[in-house]
Amino acid sequence: MSGGRRIRNAEWIAAAAAAGDFPPPREPEVALLGRSNVGKSSLLNRLAGRRSLARTSGTPGKTRLLHWYRLERGDAVLALVDLPGYGFAKVSRVERQSWRRLVEAYLSGRSALRVAVLLQDLRREWSEDEALLLEWLTQRGVPVLVALTKCDKEKPMRRAERERALREAIGLPASRVIATSATKGTGIDALWKAIDAEL
């Protein structure tokens, strides 16, 4: 599923541990960010129509670099950028601070960045971390979509309750908060449609 456009090719193209290592900005970029273990790699794989383009892990904080993936989708080309997770990753405070500097350098100064997709686990509360990140991005003029992940983990009634509660807490227009499941493909077309509107 890719919002009506077939993924013709998807490939990893670069990784960066420092701002000086970022690849030249060529294609429009879509950043995926969120708490450690929220499902960024799984969602990226589903968006790309590939099972193992990005490595997934049950260990929080596994993604420690920025990773760029180039997608040829229909007649368009874009890059998905997987950012290191934040929150309860099992690493030192010094390392977390270096990640933060790296992520902020990308988000605040990347000319190719068109939209940030902030991932939020449907089963967890919208926390101060997410609220501050959304505010930080908004202040810098970065358009934000919120993908509610792991929807398949809740029963329909509970899922509907959680969606309502999170939409209210997030405070964005309904069209910018999209319930998704990387496992079942729920919401992927809707997310692509929202991304396309920013590209």
N, C-alpha and C. Protein backbone atom coordinates (compact mmCIF):
# COMPACT_ATOMS: atom_id res chain seq x y z
N MET A 1 0.84 -1.19 0.00
CA MET A 1 0.00 0.00 0.00
C MET A 1 0.88 1.24 0.00
N SER A 2 0.58 2.16 -0.86
CA SER A 2 1.42 3.36 -0.93
C SER A 2 0.61 4.55 -1.43
N GLY A 3 -0.63 4.65 -0.95
CA GLY A 3 -1.44 5.80 -1.31
C GLY A 3 -1.75 5.84 -2.78
N GLY A 4 -1.88 4.69 -3.41
CA GLY A 4 -2.24 4.65 -4.82
C GLY A 4 -1.05 4.67 -5.77
N ARG A 5 0.16 4.82 -5.24
CA ARG A 5 1.36 4.82 -6.07
C ARG A 5 2.22 3.62 -5.72
N ARG A 6 2.63 2.89 -6.71
CA ARG A 6 3.42 1.68 -6.47
C ARG A 6 4.86 2.05 -6.12
N ILE A 7 5.40 1.37 -5.12
CA ILE A 7 6.82 1.54 -4.78
C ILE A 7 7.64 0.76 -5.80
N ARG A 8 8.37 1.46 -6.65
CA ARG A 8 9.16 0.79 -7.69
C ARG A 8 10.50 0.33 -7.16
N ASN A 9 11.05 1.08 -6.21
CA ASN A 9 12.34 0.70 -5.63
C ASN A 9 12.48 1.35 -4.26
N ALA A 10 13.15 0.67 -3.36
CA ALA A 10 13.41 1.21 -2.02
C ALA A 10 14.77 0.71 -1.59
N GLU A 11 15.63 1.63 -1.15
CA GLU A 11 16.98 1.23 -0.75
C GLU A 11 17.54 2.15 0.32
N TRP A 12 18.36 1.56 1.19
CA TRP A 12 19.11 2.35 2.17
C TRP A 12 20.21 3.09 1.43
N ILE A 13 20.38 4.39 1.75
CA ILE A 13 21.41 5.13 1.02
C ILE A 13 22.48 5.74 1.92
N ALA A 14 22.18 6.00 3.20
CA ALA A 14 23.18 6.66 4.05
C ALA A 14 22.81 6.55 5.51
N ALA A 15 23.84 6.68 6.36
CA ALA A 15 23.65 6.80 7.80
C ALA A 15 24.57 7.90 8.29
N ALA A 16 24.18 8.54 9.39
CA ALA A 16 25.00 9.64 9.90
C ALA A 16 25.00 9.64 11.42
N ALA A 17 26.20 9.81 12.00
CA ALA A 17 26.35 9.92 13.45
C ALA A 17 26.61 11.37 13.86
N ALA A 18 26.80 12.24 12.85
CA ALA A 18 27.06 13.66 13.12
C ALA A 18 26.53 14.47 11.94
N ALA A 19 26.25 15.74 12.20
CA ALA A 19 25.67 16.59 11.16
C ALA A 19 26.56 16.68 9.93
N GLY A 20 27.86 16.61 10.13
CA GLY A 20 28.78 16.68 9.01
C GLY A 20 28.72 15.47 8.09
N ASP A 21 28.07 14.41 8.57
CA ASP A 21 27.95 13.19 7.77
C ASP A 21 26.64 13.12 6.98
N PHE A 22 25.75 14.11 7.15
CA PHE A 22 24.48 14.06 6.44
C PHE A 22 24.74 14.04 4.93
N PRO A 23 24.01 13.22 4.18
CA PRO A 23 24.18 13.23 2.72
C PRO A 23 23.66 14.53 2.12
N PRO A 24 24.10 14.91 0.93
CA PRO A 24 23.59 16.12 0.30
C PRO A 24 22.07 16.03 0.15
N PRO A 25 21.34 17.13 0.41
CA PRO A 25 19.88 17.10 0.29
C PRO A 25 19.45 17.10 -1.17
N ARG A 26 18.98 15.95 -1.65
CA ARG A 26 18.56 15.84 -3.05
C ARG A 26 17.04 15.75 -3.16
N GLU A 27 16.48 14.63 -2.68
CA GLU A 27 15.03 14.43 -2.77
C GLU A 27 14.32 15.06 -1.56
N PRO A 28 13.03 15.32 -1.70
CA PRO A 28 12.24 15.74 -0.53
C PRO A 28 12.34 14.67 0.55
N GLU A 29 12.43 15.09 1.81
CA GLU A 29 12.63 14.14 2.90
C GLU A 29 11.45 14.14 3.88
N VAL A 30 11.13 12.95 4.35
CA VAL A 30 10.08 12.74 5.35
C VAL A 30 10.76 12.12 6.57
N ALA A 31 10.74 12.83 7.70
CA ALA A 31 11.40 12.33 8.91
C ALA A 31 10.42 11.54 9.76
N LEU A 32 10.89 10.40 10.27
CA LEU A 32 10.11 9.59 11.20
C LEU A 32 10.78 9.68 12.56
N LEU A 33 10.03 10.12 13.55
CA LEU A 33 10.62 10.28 14.87
C LEU A 33 9.62 9.90 15.96
N GLY A 34 10.15 9.57 17.13
CA GLY A 34 9.30 9.18 18.24
C GLY A 34 10.08 8.47 19.31
N ARG A 35 9.38 8.10 20.35
CA ARG A 35 9.96 7.43 21.50
C ARG A 35 10.59 6.10 21.09
N SER A 36 11.62 5.70 21.82
CA SER A 36 12.25 4.41 21.57
C SER A 36 11.21 3.30 21.62
N ASN A 37 11.30 2.39 20.67
CA ASN A 37 10.43 1.21 20.61
C ASN A 37 8.98 1.53 20.24
N VAL A 38 8.76 2.70 19.63
CA VAL A 38 7.40 3.07 19.23
C VAL A 38 6.99 2.41 17.91
N GLY A 39 7.98 1.87 17.19
CA GLY A 39 7.68 1.18 15.94
C GLY A 39 8.07 1.93 14.68
N LYS A 40 9.11 2.77 14.78
CA LYS A 40 9.52 3.56 13.61
C LYS A 40 10.00 2.68 12.46
N SER A 41 10.87 1.72 12.77
CA SER A 41 11.41 0.88 11.71
C SER A 41 10.31 0.04 11.05
N SER A 42 9.38 -0.47 11.87
CA SER A 42 8.29 -1.27 11.32
C SER A 42 7.39 -0.43 10.41
N LEU A 43 7.09 0.80 10.84
CA LEU A 43 6.25 1.67 10.02
C LEU A 43 6.98 2.06 8.74
N LEU A 44 8.28 2.33 8.85
CA LEU A 44 9.06 2.67 7.67
C LEU A 44 9.03 1.52 6.66
N ASN A 45 9.21 0.30 7.13
CA ASN A 45 9.17 -0.86 6.25
C ASN A 45 7.81 -0.97 5.55
N ARG A 46 6.73 -0.73 6.29
CA ARG A 46 5.39 -0.82 5.71
C ARG A 46 5.18 0.30 4.68
N LEU A 47 5.63 1.51 4.99
CA LEU A 47 5.51 2.61 4.02
C LEU A 47 6.28 2.30 2.74
N ALA A 48 7.43 1.65 2.91
CA ALA A 48 8.29 1.34 1.76
C ALA A 48 7.86 0.07 1.04
N GLY A 49 6.92 -0.67 1.62
CA GLY A 49 6.49 -1.92 1.00
C GLY A 49 7.55 -3.00 1.03
N ARG A 50 8.44 -2.92 2.03
CA ARG A 50 9.51 -3.90 2.17
C ARG A 50 9.50 -4.46 3.59
N ARG A 51 9.76 -5.75 3.73
CA ARG A 51 9.69 -6.36 5.06
C ARG A 51 10.89 -6.04 5.94
N SER A 52 12.05 -5.88 5.34
CA SER A 52 13.24 -5.71 6.17
C SER A 52 14.19 -4.65 5.63
N LEU A 53 13.63 -3.58 5.09
CA LEU A 53 14.47 -2.47 4.63
C LEU A 53 15.19 -1.84 5.83
N ALA A 54 14.42 -1.53 6.87
CA ALA A 54 14.99 -1.01 8.12
C ALA A 54 14.96 -2.13 9.15
N ARG A 55 16.02 -2.29 9.88
CA ARG A 55 16.07 -3.35 10.89
C ARG A 55 15.20 -2.98 12.08
N THR A 56 14.42 -3.95 12.54
CA THR A 56 13.57 -3.74 13.71
C THR A 56 14.18 -4.47 14.90
N SER A 57 13.86 -3.97 16.10
CA SER A 57 14.39 -4.59 17.31
C SER A 57 13.44 -4.36 18.47
N GLY A 58 13.39 -5.33 19.38
CA GLY A 58 12.62 -5.17 20.60
C GLY A 58 13.38 -4.41 21.66
N THR A 59 14.63 -4.08 21.38
CA THR A 59 15.47 -3.37 22.35
C THR A 59 15.36 -1.87 22.14
N PRO A 60 14.84 -1.11 23.14
CA PRO A 60 14.75 0.33 23.00
C PRO A 60 16.10 0.96 22.71
N GLY A 61 16.12 1.92 21.79
CA GLY A 61 17.36 2.64 21.50
C GLY A 61 18.27 1.95 20.51
N LYS A 62 17.74 0.99 19.75
CA LYS A 62 18.57 0.26 18.81
C LYS A 62 19.07 1.16 17.68
N THR A 63 18.19 2.07 17.20
CA THR A 63 18.58 2.99 16.14
C THR A 63 19.34 4.15 16.75
N ARG A 64 20.64 4.20 16.53
CA ARG A 64 21.47 5.24 17.16
C ARG A 64 21.99 6.26 16.16
N LEU A 65 21.70 6.04 14.91
CA LEU A 65 22.12 6.95 13.85
C LEU A 65 20.89 7.45 13.11
N LEU A 66 21.07 8.48 12.29
CA LEU A 66 20.04 8.84 11.31
C LEU A 66 20.27 7.96 10.08
N HIS A 67 19.21 7.36 9.57
CA HIS A 67 19.29 6.52 8.38
C HIS A 67 18.40 7.09 7.28
N TRP A 68 18.95 7.17 6.07
CA TRP A 68 18.20 7.64 4.90
C TRP A 68 17.84 6.46 4.00
N TYR A 69 16.59 6.43 3.55
CA TYR A 69 16.12 5.40 2.63
C TYR A 69 15.48 6.10 1.43
N ARG A 70 15.95 5.77 0.25
CA ARG A 70 15.45 6.40 -0.98
C ARG A 70 14.33 5.55 -1.57
N LEU A 71 13.18 6.18 -1.83
CA LEU A 71 12.03 5.47 -2.40
C LEU A 71 11.70 6.04 -3.77
N GLU A 72 11.53 5.16 -4.75
CA GLU A 72 10.96 5.54 -6.04
C GLU A 72 9.51 5.08 -6.00
N ARG A 73 8.61 6.05 -6.01
CA ARG A 73 7.20 5.75 -5.78
C ARG A 73 6.38 6.40 -6.89
N GLY A 74 5.80 5.55 -7.75
CA GLY A 74 5.14 6.10 -8.92
C GLY A 74 6.18 6.84 -9.75
N ASP A 75 5.90 8.09 -10.09
CA ASP A 75 6.89 8.88 -10.84
C ASP A 75 7.66 9.84 -9.93
N ALA A 76 7.53 9.65 -8.61
CA ALA A 76 8.19 10.54 -7.66
C ALA A 76 9.33 9.82 -6.93
N VAL A 77 10.26 10.61 -6.43
CA VAL A 77 11.35 10.10 -5.63
C VAL A 77 11.40 10.90 -4.33
N LEU A 78 11.55 10.19 -3.22
CA LEU A 78 11.65 10.87 -1.93
C LEU A 78 12.54 10.05 -1.01
N ALA A 79 12.87 10.61 0.15
CA ALA A 79 13.66 9.88 1.13
C ALA A 79 12.92 9.83 2.45
N LEU A 80 12.88 8.65 3.05
CA LEU A 80 12.40 8.50 4.42
C LEU A 80 13.62 8.53 5.32
N VAL A 81 13.56 9.31 6.39
CA VAL A 81 14.70 9.45 7.30
C VAL A 81 14.28 8.95 8.68
N ASP A 82 14.94 7.89 9.12
CA ASP A 82 14.65 7.25 10.41
C ASP A 82 15.55 7.88 11.46
N LEU A 83 14.94 8.59 12.43
CA LEU A 83 15.70 9.28 13.46
C LEU A 83 15.81 8.43 14.72
N PRO A 84 16.90 8.60 15.48
CA PRO A 84 17.04 7.83 16.73
C PRO A 84 15.88 8.11 17.67
N GLY A 85 15.43 7.07 18.37
CA GLY A 85 14.35 7.24 19.34
C GLY A 85 14.83 7.98 20.57
N TYR A 86 13.86 8.49 21.33
CA TYR A 86 14.19 9.17 22.59
C TYR A 86 13.38 8.49 23.69
N GLY A 87 13.71 8.83 24.95
CA GLY A 87 12.94 8.26 26.05
C GLY A 87 13.75 7.26 26.83
N PHE A 88 13.23 6.02 26.93
CA PHE A 88 13.82 5.07 27.87
C PHE A 88 14.88 4.16 27.26
N ALA A 89 15.56 4.63 26.24
CA ALA A 89 16.64 3.83 25.64
C ALA A 89 17.70 3.53 26.70
N LYS A 90 18.22 2.30 26.68
CA LYS A 90 19.17 1.86 27.70
C LYS A 90 20.59 2.30 27.35
N VAL A 91 20.80 3.59 27.37
CA VAL A 91 22.12 4.14 27.10
C VAL A 91 22.39 5.26 28.10
N SER A 92 23.62 5.73 28.13
CA SER A 92 24.00 6.76 29.10
C SER A 92 23.38 8.11 28.77
N ARG A 93 23.32 8.96 29.77
CA ARG A 93 22.77 10.30 29.58
C ARG A 93 23.60 11.08 28.56
N VAL A 94 24.92 10.93 28.63
CA VAL A 94 25.80 11.62 27.68
C VAL A 94 25.46 11.22 26.25
N GLU A 95 25.25 9.90 26.04
CA GLU A 95 24.91 9.44 24.69
C GLU A 95 23.55 9.97 24.25
N ARG A 96 22.58 9.99 25.17
CA ARG A 96 21.26 10.52 24.83
C ARG A 96 21.36 11.99 24.43
N GLN A 97 22.22 12.74 25.16
CA GLN A 97 22.38 14.16 24.84
C GLN A 97 23.00 14.35 23.46
N SER A 98 23.94 13.47 23.10
CA SER A 98 24.56 13.58 21.78
C SER A 98 23.53 13.25 20.69
N TRP A 99 22.64 12.28 20.96
CA TRP A 99 21.56 11.97 20.02
C TRP A 99 20.68 13.19 19.82
N ARG A 100 20.36 13.84 20.95
CA ARG A 100 19.46 15.00 20.87
C ARG A 100 20.07 16.09 20.00
N ARG A 101 21.35 16.36 20.18
CA ARG A 101 22.02 17.38 19.35
C ARG A 101 21.97 16.99 17.88
N LEU A 102 22.19 15.71 17.61
CA LEU A 102 22.17 15.21 16.24
C LEU A 102 20.79 15.39 15.61
N VAL A 103 19.76 14.98 16.34
CA VAL A 103 18.39 15.06 15.84
C VAL A 103 17.97 16.52 15.64
N GLU A 104 18.30 17.38 16.60
CA GLU A 104 17.93 18.79 16.47
C GLU A 104 18.66 19.46 15.32
N ALA A 105 19.93 19.06 15.10
CA ALA A 105 20.67 19.62 13.96
C ALA A 105 19.98 19.28 12.66
N TYR A 106 19.46 18.06 12.57
CA TYR A 106 18.75 17.66 11.36
C TYR A 106 17.42 18.40 11.22
N LEU A 107 16.61 18.36 12.26
CA LEU A 107 15.25 18.90 12.17
C LEU A 107 15.22 20.42 11.99
N SER A 108 16.22 21.11 12.53
CA SER A 108 16.18 22.57 12.48
C SER A 108 16.89 23.15 11.27
N GLY A 109 17.69 22.33 10.56
CA GLY A 109 18.47 22.93 9.49
C GLY A 109 18.49 22.18 8.17
N ARG A 110 17.57 21.25 7.98
CA ARG A 110 17.60 20.42 6.77
C ARG A 110 16.69 21.01 5.70
N SER A 111 17.29 21.52 4.63
CA SER A 111 16.50 22.19 3.59
C SER A 111 15.55 21.25 2.86
N ALA A 112 15.89 19.95 2.80
CA ALA A 112 15.06 19.00 2.06
C ALA A 112 13.87 18.48 2.88
N LEU A 113 13.86 18.77 4.18
CA LEU A 113 12.80 18.24 5.05
C LEU A 113 11.46 18.89 4.71
N ARG A 114 10.46 18.05 4.40
CA ARG A 114 9.13 18.56 4.04
C ARG A 114 8.09 18.32 5.13
N VAL A 115 8.24 17.23 5.88
CA VAL A 115 7.27 16.92 6.92
C VAL A 115 7.89 15.95 7.91
N ALA A 116 7.52 16.10 9.18
CA ALA A 116 7.95 15.17 10.22
C ALA A 116 6.75 14.33 10.63
N VAL A 117 6.94 13.02 10.69
CA VAL A 117 5.88 12.12 11.16
C VAL A 117 6.27 11.69 12.57
N LEU A 118 5.53 12.18 13.55
CA LEU A 118 5.78 11.88 14.95
C LEU A 118 4.95 10.66 15.34
N LEU A 119 5.61 9.60 15.78
CA LEU A 119 4.91 8.36 16.11
C LEU A 119 4.53 8.33 17.58
N GLN A 120 3.32 7.86 17.85
CA GLN A 120 2.80 7.75 19.21
C GLN A 120 2.12 6.40 19.36
N ASP A 121 2.59 5.60 20.29
CA ASP A 121 1.98 4.29 20.56
C ASP A 121 0.55 4.52 21.06
N LEU A 122 -0.42 3.93 20.39
CA LEU A 122 -1.83 4.10 20.74
C LEU A 122 -2.10 3.75 22.20
N ARG A 123 -1.33 2.83 22.75
CA ARG A 123 -1.59 2.33 24.10
C ARG A 123 -0.99 3.21 25.19
N ARG A 124 -0.18 4.18 24.81
CA ARG A 124 0.49 5.03 25.80
C ARG A 124 -0.11 6.44 25.82
N GLU A 125 0.09 7.12 26.94
CA GLU A 125 -0.42 8.49 27.06
C GLU A 125 0.47 9.45 26.27
N TRP A 126 -0.13 10.52 25.79
CA TRP A 126 0.60 11.63 25.17
C TRP A 126 1.35 12.33 26.28
N SER A 127 2.67 12.29 26.24
CA SER A 127 3.47 12.79 27.37
C SER A 127 4.03 14.18 27.08
N GLU A 128 4.68 14.73 28.10
CA GLU A 128 5.31 16.04 27.95
C GLU A 128 6.40 15.99 26.88
N ASP A 129 7.10 14.85 26.75
CA ASP A 129 8.14 14.71 25.72
C ASP A 129 7.55 14.96 24.33
N GLU A 130 6.43 14.29 24.03
CA GLU A 130 5.80 14.44 22.71
C GLU A 130 5.25 15.86 22.53
N ALA A 131 4.62 16.39 23.58
CA ALA A 131 4.04 17.74 23.49
C ALA A 131 5.12 18.78 23.21
N LEU A 132 6.25 18.66 23.90
CA LEU A 132 7.35 19.61 23.71
C LEU A 132 7.97 19.47 22.31
N LEU A 133 8.09 18.24 21.84
CA LEU A 133 8.65 18.00 20.52
C LEU A 133 7.73 18.58 19.45
N LEU A 134 6.44 18.39 19.59
CA LEU A 134 5.48 18.95 18.64
C LEU A 134 5.56 20.47 18.63
N GLU A 135 5.65 21.06 19.81
CA GLU A 135 5.77 22.52 19.92
C GLU A 135 7.07 23.00 19.29
N TRP A 136 8.16 22.28 19.54
CA TRP A 136 9.49 22.65 19.01
C TRP A 136 9.46 22.65 17.49
N LEU A 137 8.87 21.62 16.90
CA LEU A 137 8.78 21.52 15.44
C LEU A 137 7.90 22.61 14.87
N THR A 138 6.78 22.86 15.51
CA THR A 138 5.84 23.88 15.04
C THR A 138 6.49 25.26 15.05
N GLN A 139 7.23 25.55 16.11
CA GLN A 139 7.91 26.85 16.21
C GLN A 139 8.93 27.04 15.09
N ARG A 140 9.47 25.95 14.58
CA ARG A 140 10.47 26.02 13.51
C ARG A 140 9.86 25.84 12.12
N GLY A 141 8.55 25.83 12.07
CA GLY A 141 7.87 25.78 10.77
C GLY A 141 7.92 24.44 10.09
N VAL A 142 8.18 23.36 10.86
CA VAL A 142 8.20 22.01 10.27
C VAL A 142 6.80 21.42 10.36
N PRO A 143 6.13 21.11 9.24
CA PRO A 143 4.81 20.49 9.29
C PRO A 143 4.90 19.14 10.00
N VAL A 144 3.90 18.82 10.81
CA VAL A 144 3.92 17.58 11.59
C VAL A 144 2.65 16.77 11.35
N LEU A 145 2.83 15.47 11.13
CA LEU A 145 1.74 14.51 11.15
C LEU A 145 2.00 13.59 12.34
N VAL A 146 0.94 13.12 12.98
CA VAL A 146 1.11 12.16 14.07
C VAL A 146 0.54 10.82 13.62
N ALA A 147 1.37 9.78 13.68
CA ALA A 147 0.93 8.42 13.37
C ALA A 147 0.75 7.67 14.68
N LEU A 148 -0.48 7.28 14.96
CA LEU A 148 -0.76 6.46 16.14
C LEU A 148 -0.42 5.02 15.76
N THR A 149 0.57 4.45 16.41
CA THR A 149 1.08 3.13 16.01
C THR A 149 0.48 2.00 16.85
N LYS A 150 0.63 0.79 16.34
CA LYS A 150 0.26 -0.45 17.05
C LYS A 150 -1.24 -0.54 17.35
N CYS A 151 -2.07 -0.01 16.43
CA CYS A 151 -3.52 -0.04 16.62
C CYS A 151 -4.06 -1.46 16.74
N ASP A 152 -3.39 -2.40 16.08
CA ASP A 152 -3.86 -3.79 16.10
C ASP A 152 -3.72 -4.43 17.48
N LYS A 153 -3.02 -3.76 18.39
CA LYS A 153 -2.81 -4.33 19.73
C LYS A 153 -4.02 -4.12 20.64
N GLU A 154 -4.97 -3.29 20.21
CA GLU A 154 -6.15 -3.01 21.03
C GLU A 154 -7.42 -3.55 20.38
N LYS A 155 -8.39 -3.95 21.19
CA LYS A 155 -9.68 -4.37 20.67
C LYS A 155 -10.42 -3.13 20.16
N PRO A 156 -11.34 -3.30 19.19
CA PRO A 156 -11.99 -2.16 18.52
C PRO A 156 -12.56 -1.09 19.46
N MET A 157 -13.30 -1.48 20.50
CA MET A 157 -13.89 -0.49 21.41
C MET A 157 -12.82 0.31 22.14
N ARG A 158 -11.83 -0.41 22.65
CA ARG A 158 -10.74 0.24 23.37
C ARG A 158 -9.92 1.11 22.42
N ARG A 159 -9.70 0.63 21.21
CA ARG A 159 -8.96 1.40 20.23
C ARG A 159 -9.66 2.72 19.94
N ALA A 160 -10.99 2.70 19.77
CA ALA A 160 -11.74 3.93 19.49
C ALA A 160 -11.63 4.91 20.66
N GLU A 161 -11.67 4.39 21.88
CA GLU A 161 -11.51 5.25 23.07
C GLU A 161 -10.14 5.90 23.09
N ARG A 162 -9.11 5.10 22.83
CA ARG A 162 -7.74 5.61 22.86
C ARG A 162 -7.54 6.65 21.75
N GLU A 163 -8.07 6.40 20.57
CA GLU A 163 -7.95 7.37 19.48
C GLU A 163 -8.56 8.70 19.87
N ARG A 164 -9.77 8.67 20.44
CA ARG A 164 -10.44 9.91 20.83
C ARG A 164 -9.62 10.66 21.88
N ALA A 165 -9.15 9.93 22.88
CA ALA A 165 -8.38 10.57 23.95
C ALA A 165 -7.09 11.19 23.43
N LEU A 166 -6.39 10.47 22.57
CA LEU A 166 -5.13 10.99 22.05
C LEU A 166 -5.34 12.17 21.11
N ARG A 167 -6.35 12.10 20.25
CA ARG A 167 -6.64 13.23 19.36
C ARG A 167 -6.91 14.50 20.17
N GLU A 168 -7.64 14.34 21.26
CA GLU A 168 -7.95 15.49 22.12
C GLU A 168 -6.68 16.02 22.76
N ALA A 169 -5.84 15.12 23.26
CA ALA A 169 -4.60 15.53 23.93
C ALA A 169 -3.62 16.19 22.96
N ILE A 170 -3.54 15.67 21.74
CA ILE A 170 -2.58 16.18 20.75
C ILE A 170 -3.00 17.55 20.24
N GLY A 171 -4.27 17.72 19.94
CA GLY A 171 -4.78 19.03 19.56
C GLY A 171 -4.56 19.45 18.12
N LEU A 172 -4.13 18.53 17.26
CA LEU A 172 -3.98 18.83 15.84
C LEU A 172 -5.30 18.54 15.12
N PRO A 173 -5.51 19.10 13.91
CA PRO A 173 -6.69 18.74 13.12
C PRO A 173 -6.76 17.23 12.91
N ALA A 174 -7.97 16.70 12.85
CA ALA A 174 -8.17 15.25 12.75
C ALA A 174 -7.42 14.64 11.58
N SER A 175 -7.32 15.37 10.47
CA SER A 175 -6.67 14.83 9.27
C SER A 175 -5.16 14.65 9.45
N ARG A 176 -4.60 15.22 10.53
CA ARG A 176 -3.15 15.15 10.75
C ARG A 176 -2.78 14.11 11.82
N VAL A 177 -3.77 13.41 12.35
CA VAL A 177 -3.54 12.35 13.34
C VAL A 177 -4.12 11.07 12.77
N ILE A 178 -3.25 10.11 12.43
CA ILE A 178 -3.66 8.95 11.65
C ILE A 178 -3.35 7.66 12.41
N ALA A 179 -4.38 6.86 12.63
CA ALA A 179 -4.21 5.58 13.31
C ALA A 179 -3.63 4.56 12.33
N THR A 180 -2.56 3.87 12.74
CA THR A 180 -1.86 2.95 11.83
C THR A 180 -1.54 1.62 12.51
N SER A 181 -1.32 0.62 11.68
CA SER A 181 -0.76 -0.65 12.14
C SER A 181 0.21 -1.12 11.07
N ALA A 182 1.50 -1.19 11.44
CA ALA A 182 2.50 -1.68 10.49
C ALA A 182 2.28 -3.15 10.20
N THR A 183 1.74 -3.88 11.17
CA THR A 183 1.51 -5.31 11.01
C THR A 183 0.41 -5.60 10.00
N LYS A 184 -0.70 -4.87 10.11
CA LYS A 184 -1.87 -5.16 9.27
C LYS A 184 -2.05 -4.18 8.12
N GLY A 185 -1.28 -3.09 8.10
CA GLY A 185 -1.39 -2.13 7.01
C GLY A 185 -2.46 -1.08 7.22
N THR A 186 -3.09 -1.09 8.38
CA THR A 186 -4.14 -0.11 8.69
C THR A 186 -3.58 1.31 8.62
N GLY A 187 -4.28 2.19 7.93
CA GLY A 187 -3.94 3.60 7.91
C GLY A 187 -2.76 3.99 7.04
N ILE A 188 -2.14 3.04 6.37
CA ILE A 188 -0.94 3.35 5.58
C ILE A 188 -1.29 4.23 4.38
N ASP A 189 -2.36 3.90 3.67
CA ASP A 189 -2.78 4.73 2.54
C ASP A 189 -3.13 6.14 3.00
N ALA A 190 -3.81 6.25 4.14
CA ALA A 190 -4.19 7.56 4.68
C ALA A 190 -2.95 8.36 5.05
N LEU A 191 -1.95 7.68 5.62
CA LEU A 191 -0.71 8.37 5.99
C LEU A 191 0.03 8.84 4.74
N TRP A 192 0.10 7.99 3.71
CA TRP A 192 0.73 8.42 2.45
C TRP A 192 0.00 9.63 1.86
N LYS A 193 -1.32 9.62 1.92
CA LYS A 193 -2.09 10.75 1.37
C LYS A 193 -1.74 12.04 2.11
N ALA A 194 -1.60 11.96 3.43
CA ALA A 194 -1.25 13.14 4.23
C ALA A 194 0.18 13.58 3.93
N ILE A 195 1.08 12.62 3.76
CA ILE A 195 2.48 12.95 3.40
C ILE A 195 2.51 13.62 2.02
N ASP A 196 1.79 13.05 1.07
CA ASP A 196 1.75 13.61 -0.30
C ASP A 196 1.30 15.07 -0.30
N ALA A 197 0.37 15.39 0.58
CA ALA A 197 -0.14 16.78 0.66
C ALA A 197 0.97 17.76 1.08
N GLU A 198 1.99 17.24 1.79
CA GLU A 198 3.10 18.10 2.20
C GLU A 198 4.22 18.12 1.18
N LEU A 199 4.30 17.10 0.33
CA LEU A 199 5.36 17.03 -0.67
C LEU A 199 5.03 17.88 -1.89
